[in-house]
């Protein structure tokens, strides 16, 4: 599972329910604050005996990993776009051997407070981030890159990973991110985009990939079953 919790989410119980009901072996979480850490540890420590928390000076920059699999290695990489969110490399021990994960929360499409300008100016910044992080990855183990990419499937960061031999897992269900508005007492989506992704290399195959319509974050959880290619 990859899931951006939204650092200002007023309803953590719904996110906990979504995580529990999905029952994924590995949960990658973005926008994790110290308050979120307390809730997650209280509610999920027994279910997920292995965990890593990286709280960031920007509230939206925190990362967490909850795992049923042993975490053998965890490294944090600062964004080359100074002040923005870091990425995290993990090596977990699975029943088929080591598994490498790059957990990302790439630069949001905002520039000087403007989302319109940011849509045009930030793609090269996300590309720079993913290029930088890619250099840290080992080439001798199956690899997953997942998280909040802050760009749709046509984005430059995803295109870079495709050129490195990775493929995006197509998901069923609603869009991963939505911007809601309320009018006349009725709430509806003004904007919907797929900006949370799971990408896998050629040594892996994916099935049962779907987006859950759950929780009260502006993002929805993405769930993918991943197996070794035989």
C-alpha atoms as a PDB file:
ATOM      1  CA  UNK A   1       0.000   0.000   0.000  1.00  0.00           C
ATOM      2  CA  UNK A   2       1.043   3.570  -0.662  1.00  0.00           C
ATOM      3  CA  UNK A   3      -1.070   6.255   0.989  1.00  0.00           C
ATOM      4  CA  UNK A   4      -0.656  10.001   1.491  1.00  0.00           C
ATOM      5  CA  UNK A   5      -2.386  10.552   4.826  1.00  0.00           C
ATOM      6  CA  UNK A   6      -2.599  14.376   4.500  1.00  0.00           C
ATOM      7  CA  UNK A   7      -0.791  16.044   7.393  1.00  0.00           C
ATOM      8  CA  UNK A   8      -3.904  18.093   8.248  1.00  0.00           C
ATOM      9  CA  UNK A   9      -6.372  15.204   8.047  1.00  0.00           C
ATOM     10  CA  UNK A  10      -8.957  15.710  10.834  1.00  0.00           C
ATOM     11  CA  UNK A  11     -10.084  12.058  10.870  1.00  0.00           C
ATOM     12  CA  UNK A  12      -7.161   9.694  11.540  1.00  0.00           C
ATOM     13  CA  UNK A  13      -9.528   6.871  12.509  1.00  0.00           C
ATOM     14  CA  UNK A  14     -10.704   6.509   8.915  1.00  0.00           C
ATOM     15  CA  UNK A  15      -7.105   6.173   7.689  1.00  0.00           C
ATOM     16  CA  UNK A  16      -6.382   3.538  10.330  1.00  0.00           C
ATOM     17  CA  UNK A  17      -9.484   1.633   9.234  1.00  0.00           C
ATOM     18  CA  UNK A  18      -8.349   1.765   5.599  1.00  0.00           C
ATOM     19  CA  UNK A  19      -4.917   0.397   6.507  1.00  0.00           C
ATOM     20  CA  UNK A  20      -6.329  -2.353   8.724  1.00  0.00           C
ATOM     21  CA  UNK A  21      -8.923  -3.444   6.168  1.00  0.00           C
ATOM     22  CA  UNK A  22      -6.362  -3.591   3.350  1.00  0.00           C
ATOM     23  CA  UNK A  23      -3.997  -5.664   5.522  1.00  0.00           C
ATOM     24  CA  UNK A  24      -1.027  -5.092   3.190  1.00  0.00           C
ATOM     25  CA  UNK A  25       2.359  -6.576   4.072  1.00  0.00           C
ATOM     26  CA  UNK A  26       4.127  -3.259   3.425  1.00  0.00           C
ATOM     27  CA  UNK A  27       2.566   0.181   3.938  1.00  0.00           C
ATOM     28  CA  UNK A  28       4.281   3.322   2.613  1.00  0.00           C
ATOM     29  CA  UNK A  29       2.876   6.526   4.102  1.00  0.00           C
ATOM     30  CA  UNK A  30       3.474  10.173   3.189  1.00  0.00           C
ATOM     31  CA  UNK A  31       2.759  13.422   5.084  1.00  0.00           C
ATOM     32  CA  UNK A  32       3.401  11.739   8.421  1.00  0.00           C
ATOM     33  CA  UNK A  33       3.700  14.193  11.321  1.00  0.00           C
ATOM     34  CA  UNK A  34       4.634  13.516  14.943  1.00  0.00           C
ATOM     35  CA  UNK A  35       0.894  13.455  15.715  1.00  0.00           C
ATOM     36  CA  UNK A  36       0.330  10.843  13.008  1.00  0.00           C
ATOM     37  CA  UNK A  37       3.261   8.834  14.375  1.00  0.00           C
ATOM     38  CA  UNK A  38       1.637   8.641  17.815  1.00  0.00           C
ATOM     39  CA  UNK A  39      -1.655   7.437  16.335  1.00  0.00           C
ATOM     40  CA  UNK A  40      -0.037   4.884  14.018  1.00  0.00           C
ATOM     41  CA  UNK A  41       2.152   3.441  16.765  1.00  0.00           C
ATOM     42  CA  UNK A  42      -0.764   3.182  19.163  1.00  0.00           C
ATOM     43  CA  UNK A  43      -3.126   1.515  16.708  1.00  0.00           C
ATOM     44  CA  UNK A  44      -0.873  -0.546  14.437  1.00  0.00           C
ATOM     45  CA  UNK A  45       2.328  -1.515  16.256  1.00  0.00           C
ATOM     46  CA  UNK A  46       1.093  -5.047  16.952  1.00  0.00           C
ATOM     47  CA  UNK A  47      -0.074  -5.608  13.390  1.00  0.00           C
ATOM     48  CA  UNK A  48       3.160  -4.188  11.925  1.00  0.00           C
ATOM     49  CA  UNK A  49       6.152  -5.226  14.068  1.00  0.00           C
ATOM     50  CA  UNK A  50       8.671  -3.439  11.812  1.00  0.00           C
ATOM     51  CA  UNK A  51       8.405   0.300  11.232  1.00  0.00           C
ATOM     52  CA  UNK A  52      10.412   3.394  10.357  1.00  0.00           C
ATOM     53  CA  UNK A  53       9.356   7.008  10.882  1.00  0.00           C
ATOM     54  CA  UNK A  54      11.026  10.059   9.357  1.00  0.00           C
ATOM     55  CA  UNK A  55       9.410  13.281  10.585  1.00  0.00           C
ATOM     56  CA  UNK A  56      10.276  16.354   8.500  1.00  0.00           C
ATOM     57  CA  UNK A  57      10.522  20.054   9.305  1.00  0.00           C
ATOM     58  CA  UNK A  58       7.829  20.612   6.686  1.00  0.00           C
ATOM     59  CA  UNK A  59       4.715  18.902   8.045  1.00  0.00           C
ATOM     60  CA  UNK A  60       3.928  17.427   4.620  1.00  0.00           C
ATOM     61  CA  UNK A  61       7.423  15.956   4.237  1.00  0.00           C
ATOM     62  CA  UNK A  62       7.271  13.140   6.786  1.00  0.00           C
ATOM     63  CA  UNK A  63       7.510   9.495   5.699  1.00  0.00           C
ATOM     64  CA  UNK A  64       6.680   6.225   7.436  1.00  0.00           C
ATOM     65  CA  UNK A  65       6.941   2.548   6.595  1.00  0.00           C
ATOM     66  CA  UNK A  66       4.897  -0.134   8.349  1.00  0.00           C
ATOM     67  CA  UNK A  67       5.922  -3.679   7.528  1.00  0.00           C
ATOM     68  CA  UNK A  68       5.232  -7.297   8.386  1.00  0.00           C
ATOM     69  CA  UNK A  69       8.584  -8.101   6.761  1.00  0.00           C
ATOM     70  CA  UNK A  70      11.934  -7.382   8.434  1.00  0.00           C
ATOM     71  CA  UNK A  71      13.518  -4.096   7.358  1.00  0.00           C
ATOM     72  CA  UNK A  72      17.206  -4.821   6.782  1.00  0.00           C
ATOM     73  CA  UNK A  73      18.224  -1.369   5.555  1.00  0.00           C
ATOM     74  CA  UNK A  74      16.748   2.131   5.529  1.00  0.00           C
ATOM     75  CA  UNK A  75      18.404   5.214   4.051  1.00  0.00           C
ATOM     76  CA  UNK A  76      17.032   8.737   3.697  1.00  0.00           C
ATOM     77  CA  UNK A  77      18.019  10.995   0.784  1.00  0.00           C
ATOM     78  CA  UNK A  78      17.539  14.754   0.812  1.00  0.00           C
ATOM     79  CA  UNK A  79      15.785  16.286  -2.164  1.00  0.00           C
ATOM     80  CA  UNK A  80      18.127  18.025  -4.633  1.00  0.00           C
ATOM     81  CA  UNK A  81      15.441  20.737  -4.669  1.00  0.00           C
ATOM     82  CA  UNK A  82      16.587  22.180  -1.358  1.00  0.00           C
ATOM     83  CA  UNK A  83      13.980  22.299   1.387  1.00  0.00           C
ATOM     84  CA  UNK A  84      11.522  19.928  -0.265  1.00  0.00           C
ATOM     85  CA  UNK A  85      10.665  16.383   0.673  1.00  0.00           C
ATOM     86  CA  UNK A  86      13.176  13.530   1.037  1.00  0.00           C
ATOM     87  CA  UNK A  87      13.014  10.015  -0.382  1.00  0.00           C
ATOM     88  CA  UNK A  88      13.679   6.739   1.379  1.00  0.00           C
ATOM     89  CA  UNK A  89      15.399   3.561   0.236  1.00  0.00           C
ATOM     90  CA  UNK A  90      14.442   0.321   1.952  1.00  0.00           C
ATOM     91  CA  UNK A  91      15.660  -3.242   1.698  1.00  0.00           C
ATOM     92  CA  UNK A  92      13.259  -5.783   3.159  1.00  0.00           C
ATOM     93  CA  UNK A  93      13.678  -9.499   3.590  1.00  0.00           C
ATOM     94  CA  UNK A  94      10.879 -11.436   1.904  1.00  0.00           C
ATOM     95  CA  UNK A  95      10.328 -15.172   1.525  1.00  0.00           C
ATOM     96  CA  UNK A  96      11.872 -14.936  -1.971  1.00  0.00           C
ATOM     97  CA  UNK A  97      14.905 -12.883  -0.925  1.00  0.00           C
ATOM     98  CA  UNK A  98      15.787  -9.177  -0.604  1.00  0.00           C
ATOM     99  CA  UNK A  99      13.337  -6.604  -1.986  1.00  0.00           C
ATOM    100  CA  UNK A 100      14.364  -2.997  -2.659  1.00  0.00           C
ATOM    101  CA  UNK A 101      11.864  -0.142  -2.378  1.00  0.00           C
ATOM    102  CA  UNK A 102      12.328   3.539  -3.213  1.00  0.00           C
ATOM    103  CA  UNK A 103       9.661   5.438  -1.263  1.00  0.00           C
ATOM    104  CA  UNK A 104       9.041   8.888  -2.754  1.00  0.00           C
ATOM    105  CA  UNK A 105       7.080  12.070  -2.209  1.00  0.00           C
ATOM    106  CA  UNK A 106       8.144  14.249  -5.111  1.00  0.00           C
ATOM    107  CA  UNK A 107       7.954  18.025  -5.384  1.00  0.00           C
ATOM    108  CA  UNK A 108       4.338  19.301  -5.496  1.00  0.00           C
ATOM    109  CA  UNK A 109       3.211  21.199  -8.577  1.00  0.00           C
ATOM    110  CA  UNK A 110       3.309  24.576  -6.865  1.00  0.00           C
ATOM    111  CA  UNK A 111       5.566  27.553  -7.583  1.00  0.00           C
ATOM    112  CA  UNK A 112       5.509  30.725  -5.516  1.00  0.00           C
ATOM    113  CA  UNK A 113       2.097  29.790  -4.141  1.00  0.00           C
ATOM    114  CA  UNK A 114       0.638  29.260  -7.624  1.00  0.00           C
ATOM    115  CA  UNK A 115      -0.588  25.836  -8.746  1.00  0.00           C
ATOM    116  CA  UNK A 116      -1.111  27.117 -12.285  1.00  0.00           C
ATOM    117  CA  UNK A 117       2.491  28.297 -12.637  1.00  0.00           C
ATOM    118  CA  UNK A 118       3.708  25.209 -10.787  1.00  0.00           C
ATOM    119  CA  UNK A 119       2.006  22.913 -13.286  1.00  0.00           C
ATOM    120  CA  UNK A 120       4.279  24.395 -15.956  1.00  0.00           C
ATOM    121  CA  UNK A 121       7.521  24.919 -14.028  1.00  0.00           C
ATOM    122  CA  UNK A 122       7.893  21.943 -11.671  1.00  0.00           C
ATOM    123  CA  UNK A 123       8.123  18.860 -13.985  1.00  0.00           C
ATOM    124  CA  UNK A 124      11.914  19.289 -14.444  1.00  0.00           C
ATOM    125  CA  UNK A 125      12.278  19.469 -10.647  1.00  0.00           C
ATOM    126  CA  UNK A 126      10.553  16.129 -10.143  1.00  0.00           C
ATOM    127  CA  UNK A 127      12.663  14.654 -12.930  1.00  0.00           C
ATOM    128  CA  UNK A 128      15.792  15.919 -11.164  1.00  0.00           C
ATOM    129  CA  UNK A 129      14.645  14.320  -7.908  1.00  0.00           C
ATOM    130  CA  UNK A 130      14.016  10.886  -9.386  1.00  0.00           C
ATOM    131  CA  UNK A 131      17.295  10.946 -11.336  1.00  0.00           C
ATOM    132  CA  UNK A 132      19.153  11.746  -8.113  1.00  0.00           C
ATOM    133  CA  UNK A 133      17.474   9.006  -6.094  1.00  0.00           C
ATOM    134  CA  UNK A 134      17.907   6.416  -8.856  1.00  0.00           C
ATOM    135  CA  UNK A 135      21.688   6.627  -8.500  1.00  0.00           C
ATOM    136  CA  UNK A 136      21.479   5.256  -4.958  1.00  0.00           C
ATOM    137  CA  UNK A 137      19.609   2.078  -5.910  1.00  0.00           C
ATOM    138  CA  UNK A 138      21.257  -1.321  -6.131  1.00  0.00           C
ATOM    139  CA  UNK A 139      20.891  -3.020  -9.493  1.00  0.00           C
ATOM    140  CA  UNK A 140      21.056  -6.608  -8.228  1.00  0.00           C
ATOM    141  CA  UNK A 141      17.680  -6.973  -6.491  1.00  0.00           C
ATOM    142  CA  UNK A 142      13.987  -6.654  -7.446  1.00  0.00           C
ATOM    143  CA  UNK A 143      12.913  -3.033  -7.116  1.00  0.00           C
ATOM    144  CA  UNK A 144       9.705  -1.108  -6.459  1.00  0.00           C
ATOM    145  CA  UNK A 145       9.380   2.680  -6.677  1.00  0.00           C
ATOM    146  CA  UNK A 146       6.187   3.911  -5.044  1.00  0.00           C
ATOM    147  CA  UNK A 147       4.575   6.877  -3.352  1.00  0.00           C
ATOM    148  CA  UNK A 148       3.170  10.307  -4.135  1.00  0.00           C
ATOM    149  CA  UNK A 149       4.763  11.388  -7.429  1.00  0.00           C
ATOM    150  CA  UNK A 150       2.689  14.587  -7.657  1.00  0.00           C
ATOM    151  CA  UNK A 151       2.286  14.010 -11.390  1.00  0.00           C
ATOM    152  CA  UNK A 152      -0.003  11.980 -13.606  1.00  0.00           C
ATOM    153  CA  UNK A 153       1.133   8.936 -15.631  1.00  0.00           C
ATOM    154  CA  UNK A 154       2.446  11.175 -18.434  1.00  0.00           C
ATOM    155  CA  UNK A 155       4.878  12.953 -16.102  1.00  0.00           C
ATOM    156  CA  UNK A 156       8.616  13.280 -16.625  1.00  0.00           C
ATOM    157  CA  UNK A 157       9.648  11.406 -13.462  1.00  0.00           C
ATOM    158  CA  UNK A 158       7.629   8.350 -14.473  1.00  0.00           C
ATOM    159  CA  UNK A 159       9.001   8.589 -18.004  1.00  0.00           C
ATOM    160  CA  UNK A 160      12.532   8.536 -16.625  1.00  0.00           C
ATOM    161  CA  UNK A 161      11.806   5.349 -14.654  1.00  0.00           C
ATOM    162  CA  UNK A 162      10.273   3.717 -17.727  1.00  0.00           C
ATOM    163  CA  UNK A 163      13.528   4.387 -19.570  1.00  0.00           C
ATOM    164  CA  UNK A 164      15.338   2.577 -16.762  1.00  0.00           C
ATOM    165  CA  UNK A 165      13.236  -0.514 -17.421  1.00  0.00           C
ATOM    166  CA  UNK A 166      10.439  -0.005 -14.928  1.00  0.00           C
ATOM    167  CA  UNK A 167       6.704  -0.101 -15.622  1.00  0.00           C
ATOM    168  CA  UNK A 168       3.785   1.621 -13.950  1.00  0.00           C
ATOM    169  CA  UNK A 169       1.169  -0.652 -12.416  1.00  0.00           C
ATOM    170  CA  UNK A 170      -2.260   0.201 -13.829  1.00  0.00           C
ATOM    171  CA  UNK A 171      -4.928   0.421 -11.138  1.00  0.00           C
ATOM    172  CA  UNK A 172      -8.679  -0.081 -11.072  1.00  0.00           C
ATOM    173  CA  UNK A 173     -11.031   2.147  -9.117  1.00  0.00           C
ATOM    174  CA  UNK A 174     -11.234   5.898  -8.543  1.00  0.00           C
ATOM    175  CA  UNK A 175      -8.462   8.433  -9.070  1.00  0.00           C
ATOM    176  CA  UNK A 176      -5.803   8.506  -6.376  1.00  0.00           C
ATOM    177  CA  UNK A 177      -6.199  12.245  -5.614  1.00  0.00           C
ATOM    178  CA  UNK A 178      -9.247  14.472  -5.598  1.00  0.00           C
ATOM    179  CA  UNK A 179     -10.023  18.086  -4.748  1.00  0.00           C
ATOM    180  CA  UNK A 180     -13.455  18.439  -3.181  1.00  0.00           C
ATOM    181  CA  UNK A 181     -15.789  21.423  -3.049  1.00  0.00           C
ATOM    182  CA  UNK A 182     -19.034  21.819  -1.152  1.00  0.00           C
ATOM    183  CA  UNK A 183     -21.959  23.702  -2.629  1.00  0.00           C
ATOM    184  CA  UNK A 184     -25.528  23.735  -1.407  1.00  0.00           C
ATOM    185  CA  UNK A 185     -24.680  21.189   1.244  1.00  0.00           C
ATOM    186  CA  UNK A 186     -23.416  18.708  -1.361  1.00  0.00           C
ATOM    187  CA  UNK A 187     -19.758  17.678  -1.687  1.00  0.00           C
ATOM    188  CA  UNK A 188     -18.335  16.752  -5.077  1.00  0.00           C
ATOM    189  CA  UNK A 189     -14.940  16.389  -6.762  1.00  0.00           C
ATOM    190  CA  UNK A 190     -13.841  19.490  -8.654  1.00  0.00           C
ATOM    191  CA  UNK A 191     -10.604  17.863  -9.835  1.00  0.00           C
ATOM    192  CA  UNK A 192      -9.397  14.242  -9.932  1.00  0.00           C
ATOM    193  CA  UNK A 193      -5.958  12.933 -10.915  1.00  0.00           C
ATOM    194  CA  UNK A 194      -3.832   9.800 -10.653  1.00  0.00           C
ATOM    195  CA  UNK A 195      -0.664  11.097  -8.956  1.00  0.00           C
ATOM    196  CA  UNK A 196       0.147   8.214  -6.578  1.00  0.00           C
ATOM    197  CA  UNK A 197       1.899   5.352  -8.343  1.00  0.00           C
ATOM    198  CA  UNK A 198       3.564   1.987  -7.933  1.00  0.00           C
ATOM    199  CA  UNK A 199       6.304   1.093 -10.422  1.00  0.00           C
ATOM    200  CA  UNK A 200       8.081  -2.255 -10.679  1.00  0.00           C
ATOM    201  CA  UNK A 201      11.089  -3.595 -12.544  1.00  0.00           C
ATOM    202  CA  UNK A 202      11.198  -6.572 -14.926  1.00  0.00           C
ATOM    203  CA  UNK A 203      11.872  -9.066 -12.143  1.00  0.00           C
ATOM    204  CA  UNK A 204       8.403  -8.468 -10.693  1.00  0.00           C
ATOM    205  CA  UNK A 205       4.785  -8.821 -11.807  1.00  0.00           C
ATOM    206  CA  UNK A 206       1.698  -7.127 -10.389  1.00  0.00           C
ATOM    207  CA  UNK A 207      -1.913  -8.192 -10.038  1.00  0.00           C
ATOM    208  CA  UNK A 208      -5.050  -7.065  -8.199  1.00  0.00           C
ATOM    209  CA  UNK A 209      -4.002  -3.408  -8.345  1.00  0.00           C
ATOM    210  CA  UNK A 210      -6.698  -1.029  -7.170  1.00  0.00           C
ATOM    211  CA  UNK A 211      -7.419   2.297  -5.492  1.00  0.00           C
ATOM    212  CA  UNK A 212      -9.574   2.215  -2.363  1.00  0.00           C
ATOM    213  CA  UNK A 213     -12.316   4.797  -1.986  1.00  0.00           C
ATOM    214  CA  UNK A 214     -11.543   5.108   1.707  1.00  0.00           C
ATOM    215  CA  UNK A 215     -10.347   7.597   4.280  1.00  0.00           C
ATOM    216  CA  UNK A 216     -10.737  11.373   4.453  1.00  0.00           C
ATOM    217  CA  UNK A 217      -7.382  12.408   2.998  1.00  0.00           C
ATOM    218  CA  UNK A 218      -7.345  14.161  -0.377  1.00  0.00           C
ATOM    219  CA  UNK A 219      -5.395  11.068  -1.501  1.00  0.00           C
ATOM    220  CA  UNK A 220      -6.707   7.520  -1.623  1.00  0.00           C
ATOM    221  CA  UNK A 221      -4.795   4.340  -0.757  1.00  0.00           C
ATOM    222  CA  UNK A 222      -3.253   2.396  -3.649  1.00  0.00           C
ATOM    223  CA  UNK A 223      -3.014  -1.386  -3.128  1.00  0.00           C
ATOM    224  CA  UNK A 224      -0.975  -3.712  -5.344  1.00  0.00           C
ATOM    225  CA  UNK A 225      -0.116  -7.408  -5.038  1.00  0.00           C
ATOM    226  CA  UNK A 226       3.421  -7.961  -6.315  1.00  0.00           C
ATOM    227  CA  UNK A 227       5.092 -11.287  -7.023  1.00  0.00           C
ATOM    228  CA  UNK A 228       8.412 -12.468  -8.502  1.00  0.00           C
ATOM    229  CA  UNK A 229       8.371 -13.081 -12.226  1.00  0.00           C
ATOM    230  CA  UNK A 230       8.837 -16.786 -12.986  1.00  0.00           C
END
